[in-house]
């Protein structure tokens, strides 16, 4: 219960900060968002371009955990995962506040879960993130970015959102590792403490989920791995 309350308070605090204490919107914010979304990047600081695109990679990272985690929850995960592509942690935090611990995966993987569970997906996301970060570090203007961070609500909140998604990742990581039979505290902390790339490395190396089927047996239920039944 304390965990749920903490995530709920953090969610409300993020909303209040974003709309009350963050810098005001700039007149060109809508035009900036449109240009970033359509690839018209000329004249835009590379760091802003990288940050905007990383906010597309983070929802993919979370989806790779949320859709399997949601299989055993009372609430569906897909609305929160889908909304995270638009509002990031503003959608993830309510799910974290409402979910229950879920260290098991039952049933068969559907096409979406198979795609998200694939190491190929993890490698693709890791390569994309590496290219973006390298591009930003080589050509980004940090003084200009700091100035925009101080004067633009969009860039200010997007930056905090990106950092918060990195900090929240361990809240789902432990159960995802348990669903794969991977109990290793040292690896957990390695994946948890490295911003962004810890999560991406995890997606690249984690064992695949084992499909299971639940069969009735008198008054109890038995879970049998599908690959052992074939």
C-alpha atoms as a PDB file:
ATOM      1  CA  UNK A   1       0.000   0.000   0.000  1.00  0.00           C
ATOM      2  CA  UNK A   2       2.851   2.390   0.800  1.00  0.00           C
ATOM      3  CA  UNK A   3       4.290   1.704  -2.648  1.00  0.00           C
ATOM      4  CA  UNK A   4       0.976   2.490  -4.334  1.00  0.00           C
ATOM      5  CA  UNK A   5       0.563   5.712  -2.385  1.00  0.00           C
ATOM      6  CA  UNK A   6       4.113   6.782  -3.212  1.00  0.00           C
ATOM      7  CA  UNK A   7       3.549   6.331  -6.949  1.00  0.00           C
ATOM      8  CA  UNK A   8       0.196   8.111  -6.722  1.00  0.00           C
ATOM      9  CA  UNK A   9       1.691  11.071  -4.865  1.00  0.00           C
ATOM     10  CA  UNK A  10       4.573  11.231  -7.343  1.00  0.00           C
ATOM     11  CA  UNK A  11       2.095  11.260 -10.231  1.00  0.00           C
ATOM     12  CA  UNK A  12       0.085  14.104  -8.714  1.00  0.00           C
ATOM     13  CA  UNK A  13       3.269  15.982  -7.879  1.00  0.00           C
ATOM     14  CA  UNK A  14       4.470  15.660 -11.470  1.00  0.00           C
ATOM     15  CA  UNK A  15       1.181  17.033 -12.790  1.00  0.00           C
ATOM     16  CA  UNK A  16       1.242  19.987 -10.377  1.00  0.00           C
ATOM     17  CA  UNK A  17       4.861  20.767 -11.175  1.00  0.00           C
ATOM     18  CA  UNK A  18       4.338  20.541 -14.939  1.00  0.00           C
ATOM     19  CA  UNK A  19       1.372  22.918 -14.998  1.00  0.00           C
ATOM     20  CA  UNK A  20       2.154  25.236 -12.073  1.00  0.00           C
ATOM     21  CA  UNK A  21       5.896  25.465 -11.440  1.00  0.00           C
ATOM     22  CA  UNK A  22       7.500  24.643 -14.790  1.00  0.00           C
ATOM     23  CA  UNK A  23       8.428  27.536 -17.110  1.00  0.00           C
ATOM     24  CA  UNK A  24       5.580  28.871 -19.262  1.00  0.00           C
ATOM     25  CA  UNK A  25       4.967  27.675 -22.795  1.00  0.00           C
ATOM     26  CA  UNK A  26       6.722  29.572 -25.556  1.00  0.00           C
ATOM     27  CA  UNK A  27       4.748  30.905 -28.543  1.00  0.00           C
ATOM     28  CA  UNK A  28       6.658  28.630 -30.915  1.00  0.00           C
ATOM     29  CA  UNK A  29       6.047  25.407 -28.967  1.00  0.00           C
ATOM     30  CA  UNK A  30       3.406  24.006 -31.315  1.00  0.00           C
ATOM     31  CA  UNK A  31       5.581  24.760 -34.347  1.00  0.00           C
ATOM     32  CA  UNK A  32       8.555  23.081 -32.653  1.00  0.00           C
ATOM     33  CA  UNK A  33       6.531  19.949 -31.889  1.00  0.00           C
ATOM     34  CA  UNK A  34       5.229  19.816 -35.465  1.00  0.00           C
ATOM     35  CA  UNK A  35       8.731  20.136 -36.920  1.00  0.00           C
ATOM     36  CA  UNK A  36      10.147  17.515 -34.573  1.00  0.00           C
ATOM     37  CA  UNK A  37       7.328  15.112 -35.424  1.00  0.00           C
ATOM     38  CA  UNK A  38       7.678  15.542 -39.182  1.00  0.00           C
ATOM     39  CA  UNK A  39      11.475  15.421 -39.344  1.00  0.00           C
ATOM     40  CA  UNK A  40      11.929  19.082 -40.244  1.00  0.00           C
ATOM     41  CA  UNK A  41      14.929  19.449 -37.945  1.00  0.00           C
ATOM     42  CA  UNK A  42      16.870  22.231 -39.606  1.00  0.00           C
ATOM     43  CA  UNK A  43      17.702  24.940 -37.073  1.00  0.00           C
ATOM     44  CA  UNK A  44      16.705  22.822 -34.055  1.00  0.00           C
ATOM     45  CA  UNK A  45      19.311  22.050 -31.399  1.00  0.00           C
ATOM     46  CA  UNK A  46      20.483  18.435 -31.797  1.00  0.00           C
ATOM     47  CA  UNK A  47      19.968  17.809 -28.089  1.00  0.00           C
ATOM     48  CA  UNK A  48      16.290  18.682 -28.399  1.00  0.00           C
ATOM     49  CA  UNK A  49      15.997  16.337 -31.397  1.00  0.00           C
ATOM     50  CA  UNK A  50      17.650  13.520 -29.438  1.00  0.00           C
ATOM     51  CA  UNK A  51      15.490  14.096 -26.369  1.00  0.00           C
ATOM     52  CA  UNK A  52      12.297  14.087 -28.445  1.00  0.00           C
ATOM     53  CA  UNK A  53      13.234  10.821 -30.154  1.00  0.00           C
ATOM     54  CA  UNK A  54      14.303   9.172 -26.899  1.00  0.00           C
ATOM     55  CA  UNK A  55      10.789   9.865 -25.677  1.00  0.00           C
ATOM     56  CA  UNK A  56       9.704   7.502 -28.434  1.00  0.00           C
ATOM     57  CA  UNK A  57      12.203   4.829 -27.425  1.00  0.00           C
ATOM     58  CA  UNK A  58      11.302   4.850 -23.733  1.00  0.00           C
ATOM     59  CA  UNK A  59       7.650   3.857 -24.347  1.00  0.00           C
ATOM     60  CA  UNK A  60       8.890   0.918 -26.440  1.00  0.00           C
ATOM     61  CA  UNK A  61      11.120  -0.151 -23.547  1.00  0.00           C
ATOM     62  CA  UNK A  62       8.216   0.049 -21.131  1.00  0.00           C
ATOM     63  CA  UNK A  63       5.886  -1.736 -23.522  1.00  0.00           C
ATOM     64  CA  UNK A  64       8.327  -4.660 -23.574  1.00  0.00           C
ATOM     65  CA  UNK A  65       7.578  -5.081 -19.853  1.00  0.00           C
ATOM     66  CA  UNK A  66       4.064  -3.680 -19.461  1.00  0.00           C
ATOM     67  CA  UNK A  67       2.258  -5.984 -21.875  1.00  0.00           C
ATOM     68  CA  UNK A  68       3.591  -9.110 -20.146  1.00  0.00           C
ATOM     69  CA  UNK A  69       3.102  -7.634 -16.687  1.00  0.00           C
ATOM     70  CA  UNK A  70      -0.470  -6.718 -17.550  1.00  0.00           C
ATOM     71  CA  UNK A  71      -1.328 -10.360 -18.318  1.00  0.00           C
ATOM     72  CA  UNK A  72      -1.767 -11.021 -14.583  1.00  0.00           C
ATOM     73  CA  UNK A  73      -3.281  -7.697 -13.501  1.00  0.00           C
ATOM     74  CA  UNK A  74      -6.853  -6.673 -12.771  1.00  0.00           C
ATOM     75  CA  UNK A  75      -6.315  -3.595 -14.916  1.00  0.00           C
ATOM     76  CA  UNK A  76      -5.249  -3.819 -18.580  1.00  0.00           C
ATOM     77  CA  UNK A  77      -1.779  -2.479 -19.323  1.00  0.00           C
ATOM     78  CA  UNK A  78      -2.336  -1.502 -22.949  1.00  0.00           C
ATOM     79  CA  UNK A  79      -4.088   1.870 -22.304  1.00  0.00           C
ATOM     80  CA  UNK A  80      -1.187   3.016 -20.130  1.00  0.00           C
ATOM     81  CA  UNK A  81       1.453   1.668 -22.528  1.00  0.00           C
ATOM     82  CA  UNK A  82      -0.267   3.345 -25.480  1.00  0.00           C
ATOM     83  CA  UNK A  83      -0.685   6.664 -23.663  1.00  0.00           C
ATOM     84  CA  UNK A  84       2.991   6.639 -22.658  1.00  0.00           C
ATOM     85  CA  UNK A  85       3.916   7.316 -26.305  1.00  0.00           C
ATOM     86  CA  UNK A  86       2.221  10.693 -25.923  1.00  0.00           C
ATOM     87  CA  UNK A  87       2.744  11.614 -22.265  1.00  0.00           C
ATOM     88  CA  UNK A  88       5.523   9.343 -20.981  1.00  0.00           C
ATOM     89  CA  UNK A  89       5.694   8.973 -17.209  1.00  0.00           C
ATOM     90  CA  UNK A  90       2.329  10.721 -16.836  1.00  0.00           C
ATOM     91  CA  UNK A  91       0.811   7.448 -18.133  1.00  0.00           C
ATOM     92  CA  UNK A  92       3.258   5.005 -16.548  1.00  0.00           C
ATOM     93  CA  UNK A  93       2.901   6.288 -12.978  1.00  0.00           C
ATOM     94  CA  UNK A  94      -0.859   5.557 -12.654  1.00  0.00           C
ATOM     95  CA  UNK A  95      -0.216   1.985 -13.808  1.00  0.00           C
ATOM     96  CA  UNK A  96       2.546   1.559 -11.241  1.00  0.00           C
ATOM     97  CA  UNK A  97       0.195   2.865  -8.564  1.00  0.00           C
ATOM     98  CA  UNK A  98      -2.607   0.466  -9.536  1.00  0.00           C
ATOM     99  CA  UNK A  99      -0.709  -2.732 -10.407  1.00  0.00           C
ATOM    100  CA  UNK A 100       0.013  -5.662  -8.103  1.00  0.00           C
ATOM    101  CA  UNK A 101       3.269  -7.642  -7.915  1.00  0.00           C
ATOM    102  CA  UNK A 102       3.276 -10.134 -10.781  1.00  0.00           C
ATOM    103  CA  UNK A 103       6.304 -12.454 -10.947  1.00  0.00           C
ATOM    104  CA  UNK A 104       4.597 -15.069 -13.156  1.00  0.00           C
ATOM    105  CA  UNK A 105       3.473 -15.309 -16.764  1.00  0.00           C
ATOM    106  CA  UNK A 106       0.713 -17.709 -17.759  1.00  0.00           C
ATOM    107  CA  UNK A 107      -0.766 -18.536 -21.127  1.00  0.00           C
ATOM    108  CA  UNK A 108       0.583 -18.209 -24.646  1.00  0.00           C
ATOM    109  CA  UNK A 109       2.378 -15.205 -26.090  1.00  0.00           C
ATOM    110  CA  UNK A 110       0.351 -13.330 -28.673  1.00  0.00           C
ATOM    111  CA  UNK A 111       1.991 -11.720 -31.714  1.00  0.00           C
ATOM    112  CA  UNK A 112       2.601  -8.397 -29.937  1.00  0.00           C
ATOM    113  CA  UNK A 113       4.198  -9.986 -26.893  1.00  0.00           C
ATOM    114  CA  UNK A 114       6.371 -12.166 -29.129  1.00  0.00           C
ATOM    115  CA  UNK A 115       7.594  -9.043 -30.914  1.00  0.00           C
ATOM    116  CA  UNK A 116       8.255  -7.154 -27.693  1.00  0.00           C
ATOM    117  CA  UNK A 117       9.865 -10.228 -26.121  1.00  0.00           C
ATOM    118  CA  UNK A 118      12.293 -10.668 -29.016  1.00  0.00           C
ATOM    119  CA  UNK A 119      15.938  -9.810 -28.457  1.00  0.00           C
ATOM    120  CA  UNK A 120      15.956  -8.392 -31.987  1.00  0.00           C
ATOM    121  CA  UNK A 121      13.626  -5.652 -30.768  1.00  0.00           C
ATOM    122  CA  UNK A 122      15.988  -4.889 -27.897  1.00  0.00           C
ATOM    123  CA  UNK A 123      19.006  -4.731 -30.202  1.00  0.00           C
ATOM    124  CA  UNK A 124      17.172  -2.441 -32.632  1.00  0.00           C
ATOM    125  CA  UNK A 125      16.190  -0.046 -29.833  1.00  0.00           C
ATOM    126  CA  UNK A 126      19.702  -0.106 -28.355  1.00  0.00           C
ATOM    127  CA  UNK A 127      21.294   0.737 -31.716  1.00  0.00           C
ATOM    128  CA  UNK A 128      18.796   3.535 -32.335  1.00  0.00           C
ATOM    129  CA  UNK A 129      19.448   5.009 -28.888  1.00  0.00           C
ATOM    130  CA  UNK A 130      23.225   4.747 -29.318  1.00  0.00           C
ATOM    131  CA  UNK A 131      23.056   6.576 -32.655  1.00  0.00           C
ATOM    132  CA  UNK A 132      20.852   9.294 -31.179  1.00  0.00           C
ATOM    133  CA  UNK A 133      23.004   9.860 -28.100  1.00  0.00           C
ATOM    134  CA  UNK A 134      26.207   9.939 -30.177  1.00  0.00           C
ATOM    135  CA  UNK A 135      24.613  12.456 -32.532  1.00  0.00           C
ATOM    136  CA  UNK A 136      23.532  14.652 -29.642  1.00  0.00           C
ATOM    137  CA  UNK A 137      26.886  14.568 -27.858  1.00  0.00           C
ATOM    138  CA  UNK A 138      28.792  15.408 -31.043  1.00  0.00           C
ATOM    139  CA  UNK A 139      26.674  18.226 -32.408  1.00  0.00           C
ATOM    140  CA  UNK A 140      24.474  19.441 -29.561  1.00  0.00           C
ATOM    141  CA  UNK A 141      24.689  22.955 -28.104  1.00  0.00           C
ATOM    142  CA  UNK A 142      24.500  22.540 -24.331  1.00  0.00           C
ATOM    143  CA  UNK A 143      24.347  26.240 -23.453  1.00  0.00           C
ATOM    144  CA  UNK A 144      21.416  26.714 -25.820  1.00  0.00           C
ATOM    145  CA  UNK A 145      19.714  23.598 -24.442  1.00  0.00           C
ATOM    146  CA  UNK A 146      20.039  24.848 -20.854  1.00  0.00           C
ATOM    147  CA  UNK A 147      18.589  28.192 -21.903  1.00  0.00           C
ATOM    148  CA  UNK A 148      15.634  26.443 -23.561  1.00  0.00           C
ATOM    149  CA  UNK A 149      15.214  24.159 -20.537  1.00  0.00           C
ATOM    150  CA  UNK A 150      14.853  27.244 -18.362  1.00  0.00           C
ATOM    151  CA  UNK A 151      12.375  29.043 -20.626  1.00  0.00           C
ATOM    152  CA  UNK A 152      10.297  26.347 -22.400  1.00  0.00           C
ATOM    153  CA  UNK A 153       7.735  24.223 -20.555  1.00  0.00           C
ATOM    154  CA  UNK A 154       7.751  21.642 -23.347  1.00  0.00           C
ATOM    155  CA  UNK A 155      11.515  21.036 -23.199  1.00  0.00           C
ATOM    156  CA  UNK A 156      11.642  21.392 -19.408  1.00  0.00           C
ATOM    157  CA  UNK A 157       8.918  18.825 -18.724  1.00  0.00           C
ATOM    158  CA  UNK A 158      10.098  16.501 -21.502  1.00  0.00           C
ATOM    159  CA  UNK A 159      13.571  16.438 -19.916  1.00  0.00           C
ATOM    160  CA  UNK A 160      12.179  15.632 -16.478  1.00  0.00           C
ATOM    161  CA  UNK A 161       9.898  13.020 -18.027  1.00  0.00           C
ATOM    162  CA  UNK A 162      12.860  11.275 -19.671  1.00  0.00           C
ATOM    163  CA  UNK A 163      14.817  11.236 -16.395  1.00  0.00           C
ATOM    164  CA  UNK A 164      11.803   9.979 -14.464  1.00  0.00           C
ATOM    165  CA  UNK A 165      11.221   7.096 -16.890  1.00  0.00           C
ATOM    166  CA  UNK A 166      14.815   6.018 -16.287  1.00  0.00           C
ATOM    167  CA  UNK A 167      14.331   6.134 -12.511  1.00  0.00           C
ATOM    168  CA  UNK A 168      11.014   4.238 -12.629  1.00  0.00           C
ATOM    169  CA  UNK A 169      12.250   1.334 -14.750  1.00  0.00           C
ATOM    170  CA  UNK A 170      13.404  -0.803 -11.770  1.00  0.00           C
ATOM    171  CA  UNK A 171       9.803  -0.813 -10.459  1.00  0.00           C
ATOM    172  CA  UNK A 172       8.926  -3.241 -13.274  1.00  0.00           C
ATOM    173  CA  UNK A 173      12.325  -4.848 -13.741  1.00  0.00           C
ATOM    174  CA  UNK A 174      12.343  -7.210 -10.745  1.00  0.00           C
ATOM    175  CA  UNK A 175       9.041  -8.893 -11.633  1.00  0.00           C
ATOM    176  CA  UNK A 176      10.038  -9.159 -15.302  1.00  0.00           C
ATOM    177  CA  UNK A 177      13.253 -10.925 -14.315  1.00  0.00           C
ATOM    178  CA  UNK A 178      11.289 -13.257 -12.018  1.00  0.00           C
ATOM    179  CA  UNK A 179       8.891 -14.167 -14.842  1.00  0.00           C
ATOM    180  CA  UNK A 180      11.926 -15.387 -16.765  1.00  0.00           C
ATOM    181  CA  UNK A 181      13.425 -17.317 -13.853  1.00  0.00           C
ATOM    182  CA  UNK A 182      16.314 -14.871 -13.660  1.00  0.00           C
ATOM    183  CA  UNK A 183      17.074 -14.259  -9.983  1.00  0.00           C
ATOM    184  CA  UNK A 184      20.311 -12.275  -9.834  1.00  0.00           C
ATOM    185  CA  UNK A 185      20.644  -9.239  -7.568  1.00  0.00           C
ATOM    186  CA  UNK A 186      23.926  -8.061  -9.092  1.00  0.00           C
ATOM    187  CA  UNK A 187      22.451  -8.024 -12.601  1.00  0.00           C
ATOM    188  CA  UNK A 188      19.279  -6.365 -11.341  1.00  0.00           C
ATOM    189  CA  UNK A 189      21.255  -3.433  -9.953  1.00  0.00           C
ATOM    190  CA  UNK A 190      23.422  -3.263 -13.071  1.00  0.00           C
ATOM    191  CA  UNK A 191      20.354  -2.887 -15.291  1.00  0.00           C
ATOM    192  CA  UNK A 192      18.664  -0.570 -12.791  1.00  0.00           C
ATOM    193  CA  UNK A 193      21.377   2.011 -12.137  1.00  0.00           C
ATOM    194  CA  UNK A 194      22.632   2.623 -15.702  1.00  0.00           C
ATOM    195  CA  UNK A 195      20.362   5.305 -17.222  1.00  0.00           C
ATOM    196  CA  UNK A 196      18.620   4.252 -20.445  1.00  0.00           C
ATOM    197  CA  UNK A 197      21.271   1.792 -21.629  1.00  0.00           C
ATOM    198  CA  UNK A 198      20.850  -0.439 -18.584  1.00  0.00           C
ATOM    199  CA  UNK A 199      17.247  -0.996 -19.653  1.00  0.00           C
ATOM    200  CA  UNK A 200      18.256  -1.496 -23.290  1.00  0.00           C
ATOM    201  CA  UNK A 201      20.986  -4.001 -22.410  1.00  0.00           C
ATOM    202  CA  UNK A 202      18.418  -5.885 -20.355  1.00  0.00           C
ATOM    203  CA  UNK A 203      16.080  -6.147 -23.359  1.00  0.00           C
ATOM    204  CA  UNK A 204      18.982  -7.483 -25.429  1.00  0.00           C
ATOM    205  CA  UNK A 205      20.093 -10.225 -23.024  1.00  0.00           C
ATOM    206  CA  UNK A 206      17.038 -11.280 -20.999  1.00  0.00           C
ATOM    207  CA  UNK A 207      15.858 -14.894 -21.398  1.00  0.00           C
ATOM    208  CA  UNK A 208      12.628 -15.344 -23.379  1.00  0.00           C
ATOM    209  CA  UNK A 209       9.334 -15.855 -21.600  1.00  0.00           C
ATOM    210  CA  UNK A 210       8.229 -19.469 -21.280  1.00  0.00           C
ATOM    211  CA  UNK A 211       4.654 -20.074 -22.428  1.00  0.00           C
ATOM    212  CA  UNK A 212       2.488 -22.050 -20.017  1.00  0.00           C
ATOM    213  CA  UNK A 213      -0.988 -23.517 -20.010  1.00  0.00           C
ATOM    214  CA  UNK A 214      -3.188 -23.987 -16.947  1.00  0.00           C
ATOM    215  CA  UNK A 215      -4.900 -27.388 -16.775  1.00  0.00           C
ATOM    216  CA  UNK A 216      -7.615 -28.329 -14.262  1.00  0.00           C
ATOM    217  CA  UNK A 217      -6.584 -31.103 -11.909  1.00  0.00           C
ATOM    218  CA  UNK A 218      -9.310 -32.072  -9.492  1.00  0.00           C
ATOM    219  CA  UNK A 219      -9.825 -28.918  -7.419  1.00  0.00           C
ATOM    220  CA  UNK A 220      -6.417 -27.405  -8.038  1.00  0.00           C
ATOM    221  CA  UNK A 221      -4.646 -26.015 -11.078  1.00  0.00           C
ATOM    222  CA  UNK A 222      -1.327 -27.060 -12.543  1.00  0.00           C
ATOM    223  CA  UNK A 223       0.868 -24.884 -14.753  1.00  0.00           C
ATOM    224  CA  UNK A 224       2.750 -26.808 -17.423  1.00  0.00           C
ATOM    225  CA  UNK A 225       5.317 -25.223 -19.754  1.00  0.00           C
ATOM    226  CA  UNK A 226       4.078 -25.579 -23.309  1.00  0.00           C
ATOM    227  CA  UNK A 227       7.506 -26.521 -24.615  1.00  0.00           C
ATOM    228  CA  UNK A 228       7.495 -29.549 -22.302  1.00  0.00           C
ATOM    229  CA  UNK A 229       4.075 -30.714 -23.480  1.00  0.00           C
ATOM    230  CA  UNK A 230       5.042 -30.876 -27.151  1.00  0.00           C
END
